[in-house]
Amino acid sequence: MGILRQLAEYLYIKKRDPKEPLTKWMKYMHGMNRISLIMFIIVLIIAIFKLLILPLLRH
């Protein structure tokens, strides 16, 4: 499975393969990965805002 496909599945952009087995621990792991990925995207947006947008607004 490709990395981009896995990211799309975490973010609910693409549906999961119904043939893939899903255990309780796999659900926990995918849930934690989803939370960390969303947190990373939020922090990335904040960092871009601080580095690019705020200096432009100060002038």
N, C-alpha and C. Protein backbone atom coordinates (compact mmCIF):
# COMPACT_ATOMS: atom_id res chain seq x y z
N MET A 1 0.85 -1.18 0.00
CA MET A 1 0.00 0.00 0.00
C MET A 1 0.89 1.24 0.00
N GLY A 2 0.55 2.19 -0.83
CA GLY A 2 1.34 3.39 -0.94
C GLY A 2 1.08 4.36 0.20
N ILE A 3 2.05 5.22 0.41
CA ILE A 3 1.96 6.20 1.50
C ILE A 3 0.82 7.18 1.25
N LEU A 4 0.69 7.67 0.01
CA LEU A 4 -0.36 8.63 -0.28
C LEU A 4 -1.75 8.02 -0.12
N ARG A 5 -1.88 6.76 -0.50
CA ARG A 5 -3.18 6.08 -0.33
C ARG A 5 -3.52 5.94 1.15
N GLN A 6 -2.53 5.60 1.96
CA GLN A 6 -2.75 5.46 3.40
C GLN A 6 -3.14 6.80 4.02
N LEU A 7 -2.47 7.88 3.63
CA LEU A 7 -2.83 9.21 4.12
C LEU A 7 -4.25 9.58 3.71
N ALA A 8 -4.62 9.26 2.48
CA ALA A 8 -5.98 9.55 2.02
C ALA A 8 -7.01 8.78 2.83
N GLU A 9 -6.69 7.54 3.19
CA GLU A 9 -7.61 6.75 4.01
C GLU A 9 -7.71 7.33 5.42
N TYR A 10 -6.60 7.80 5.98
CA TYR A 10 -6.62 8.39 7.32
C TYR A 10 -7.48 9.64 7.36
N LEU A 11 -7.42 10.43 6.30
CA LEU A 11 -8.17 11.68 6.26
C LEU A 11 -9.56 11.52 5.66
N TYR A 12 -9.99 10.30 5.46
CA TYR A 12 -11.32 9.98 4.91
C TYR A 12 -11.52 10.52 3.51
N ILE A 13 -10.45 10.68 2.75
CA ILE A 13 -10.56 11.12 1.36
C ILE A 13 -10.85 9.92 0.47
N LYS A 14 -10.29 8.79 0.83
CA LYS A 14 -10.46 7.57 0.05
C LYS A 14 -11.00 6.47 0.95
N LYS A 15 -11.86 5.62 0.40
CA LYS A 15 -12.43 4.53 1.19
C LYS A 15 -11.40 3.43 1.40
N ARG A 16 -11.54 2.76 2.55
CA ARG A 16 -10.68 1.64 2.87
C ARG A 16 -11.00 0.45 1.99
N ASP A 17 -10.03 -0.44 1.82
CA ASP A 17 -10.25 -1.68 1.10
C ASP A 17 -11.10 -2.59 1.98
N PRO A 18 -12.29 -2.99 1.54
CA PRO A 18 -13.15 -3.82 2.39
C PRO A 18 -12.58 -5.22 2.65
N LYS A 19 -11.66 -5.67 1.82
CA LYS A 19 -11.07 -7.01 2.01
C LYS A 19 -9.98 -7.02 3.07
N GLU A 20 -9.50 -5.83 3.44
CA GLU A 20 -8.41 -5.72 4.41
C GLU A 20 -8.93 -6.05 5.81
N PRO A 21 -8.27 -6.97 6.52
CA PRO A 21 -8.73 -7.30 7.88
C PRO A 21 -8.51 -6.11 8.82
N LEU A 22 -9.47 -5.91 9.72
CA LEU A 22 -9.39 -4.79 10.66
C LEU A 22 -9.60 -5.34 12.06
N THR A 23 -8.53 -5.38 12.83
CA THR A 23 -8.64 -5.84 14.21
C THR A 23 -8.81 -4.65 15.13
N LYS A 24 -9.10 -4.92 16.38
CA LYS A 24 -9.28 -3.84 17.36
C LYS A 24 -8.01 -3.01 17.48
N TRP A 25 -6.86 -3.66 17.50
CA TRP A 25 -5.59 -2.94 17.67
C TRP A 25 -5.24 -2.14 16.43
N MET A 26 -5.61 -2.63 15.25
CA MET A 26 -5.39 -1.87 14.03
C MET A 26 -6.26 -0.61 14.02
N LYS A 27 -7.49 -0.72 14.53
CA LYS A 27 -8.36 0.46 14.62
C LYS A 27 -7.75 1.49 15.55
N TYR A 28 -7.20 1.04 16.68
CA TYR A 28 -6.55 1.97 17.62
C TYR A 28 -5.35 2.65 16.96
N MET A 29 -4.54 1.86 16.26
CA MET A 29 -3.35 2.39 15.63
C MET A 29 -3.72 3.42 14.56
N HIS A 30 -4.71 3.09 13.73
CA HIS A 30 -5.12 4.02 12.68
C HIS A 30 -5.73 5.28 13.28
N GLY A 31 -6.43 5.15 14.39
CA GLY A 31 -7.01 6.31 15.06
C GLY A 31 -5.93 7.24 15.60
N MET A 32 -4.91 6.66 16.21
CA MET A 32 -3.80 7.48 16.73
C MET A 32 -3.03 8.14 15.58
N ASN A 33 -2.82 7.41 14.50
CA ASN A 33 -2.14 7.99 13.34
C ASN A 33 -2.96 9.14 12.77
N ARG A 34 -4.28 8.97 12.73
CA ARG A 34 -5.15 10.02 12.22
C ARG A 34 -5.05 11.28 13.08
N ILE A 35 -5.07 11.10 14.41
CA ILE A 35 -4.97 12.24 15.32
C ILE A 35 -3.63 12.95 15.15
N SER A 36 -2.54 12.19 15.08
CA SER A 36 -1.22 12.82 14.94
C SER A 36 -1.08 13.52 13.60
N LEU A 37 -1.65 12.97 12.55
CA LEU A 37 -1.59 13.61 11.23
C LEU A 37 -2.38 14.91 11.22
N ILE A 38 -3.55 14.93 11.82
CA ILE A 38 -4.35 16.15 11.88
C ILE A 38 -3.64 17.21 12.71
N MET A 39 -3.04 16.80 13.84
CA MET A 39 -2.29 17.75 14.66
C MET A 39 -1.11 18.33 13.89
N PHE A 40 -0.42 17.50 13.13
CA PHE A 40 0.72 17.96 12.32
C PHE A 40 0.28 18.98 11.29
N ILE A 41 -0.85 18.74 10.63
CA ILE A 41 -1.35 19.67 9.62
C ILE A 41 -1.72 21.00 10.26
N ILE A 42 -2.35 20.96 11.44
CA ILE A 42 -2.71 22.19 12.14
C ILE A 42 -1.47 22.99 12.52
N VAL A 43 -0.45 22.32 13.05
CA VAL A 43 0.79 23.00 13.44
C VAL A 43 1.50 23.55 12.21
N LEU A 44 1.46 22.84 11.10
CA LEU A 44 2.07 23.32 9.87
C LEU A 44 1.38 24.60 9.38
N ILE A 45 0.07 24.64 9.47
CA ILE A 45 -0.68 25.83 9.08
C ILE A 45 -0.32 27.01 9.98
N ILE A 46 -0.24 26.76 11.29
CA ILE A 46 0.13 27.82 12.24
C ILE A 46 1.54 28.32 11.96
N ALA A 47 2.48 27.42 11.70
CA ALA A 47 3.87 27.83 11.43
C ALA A 47 3.95 28.65 10.15
N ILE A 48 3.24 28.24 9.11
CA ILE A 48 3.24 29.01 7.86
C ILE A 48 2.64 30.39 8.10
N PHE A 49 1.57 30.45 8.88
CA PHE A 49 0.94 31.73 9.19
C PHE A 49 1.91 32.65 9.92
N LYS A 50 2.61 32.09 10.92
CA LYS A 50 3.55 32.92 11.69
C LYS A 50 4.74 33.36 10.85
N LEU A 51 5.24 32.51 9.99
CA LEU A 51 6.43 32.85 9.22
C LEU A 51 6.16 33.71 8.00
N LEU A 52 5.01 33.55 7.37
CA LEU A 52 4.75 34.26 6.12
C LEU A 52 3.73 35.38 6.25
N ILE A 53 2.66 35.16 6.97
CA ILE A 53 1.57 36.13 7.00
C ILE A 53 1.83 37.24 8.02
N LEU A 54 2.22 36.91 9.23
CA LEU A 54 2.42 37.92 10.26
C LEU A 54 3.47 38.96 9.90
N PRO A 55 4.62 38.59 9.34
CA PRO A 55 5.58 39.64 8.95
C PRO A 55 5.02 40.60 7.91
N LEU A 56 4.15 40.14 7.05
CA LEU A 56 3.55 41.03 6.06
C LEU A 56 2.54 41.97 6.69
N LEU A 57 1.86 41.51 7.73
CA LEU A 57 0.86 42.35 8.39
C LEU A 57 1.48 43.43 9.28
N ARG A 58 2.70 43.21 9.74
CA ARG A 58 3.35 44.17 10.63
C ARG A 58 3.82 45.42 9.90
N HIS A 59 4.04 45.33 8.59
CA HIS A 59 4.55 46.49 7.85
C HIS A 59 3.47 47.41 7.50
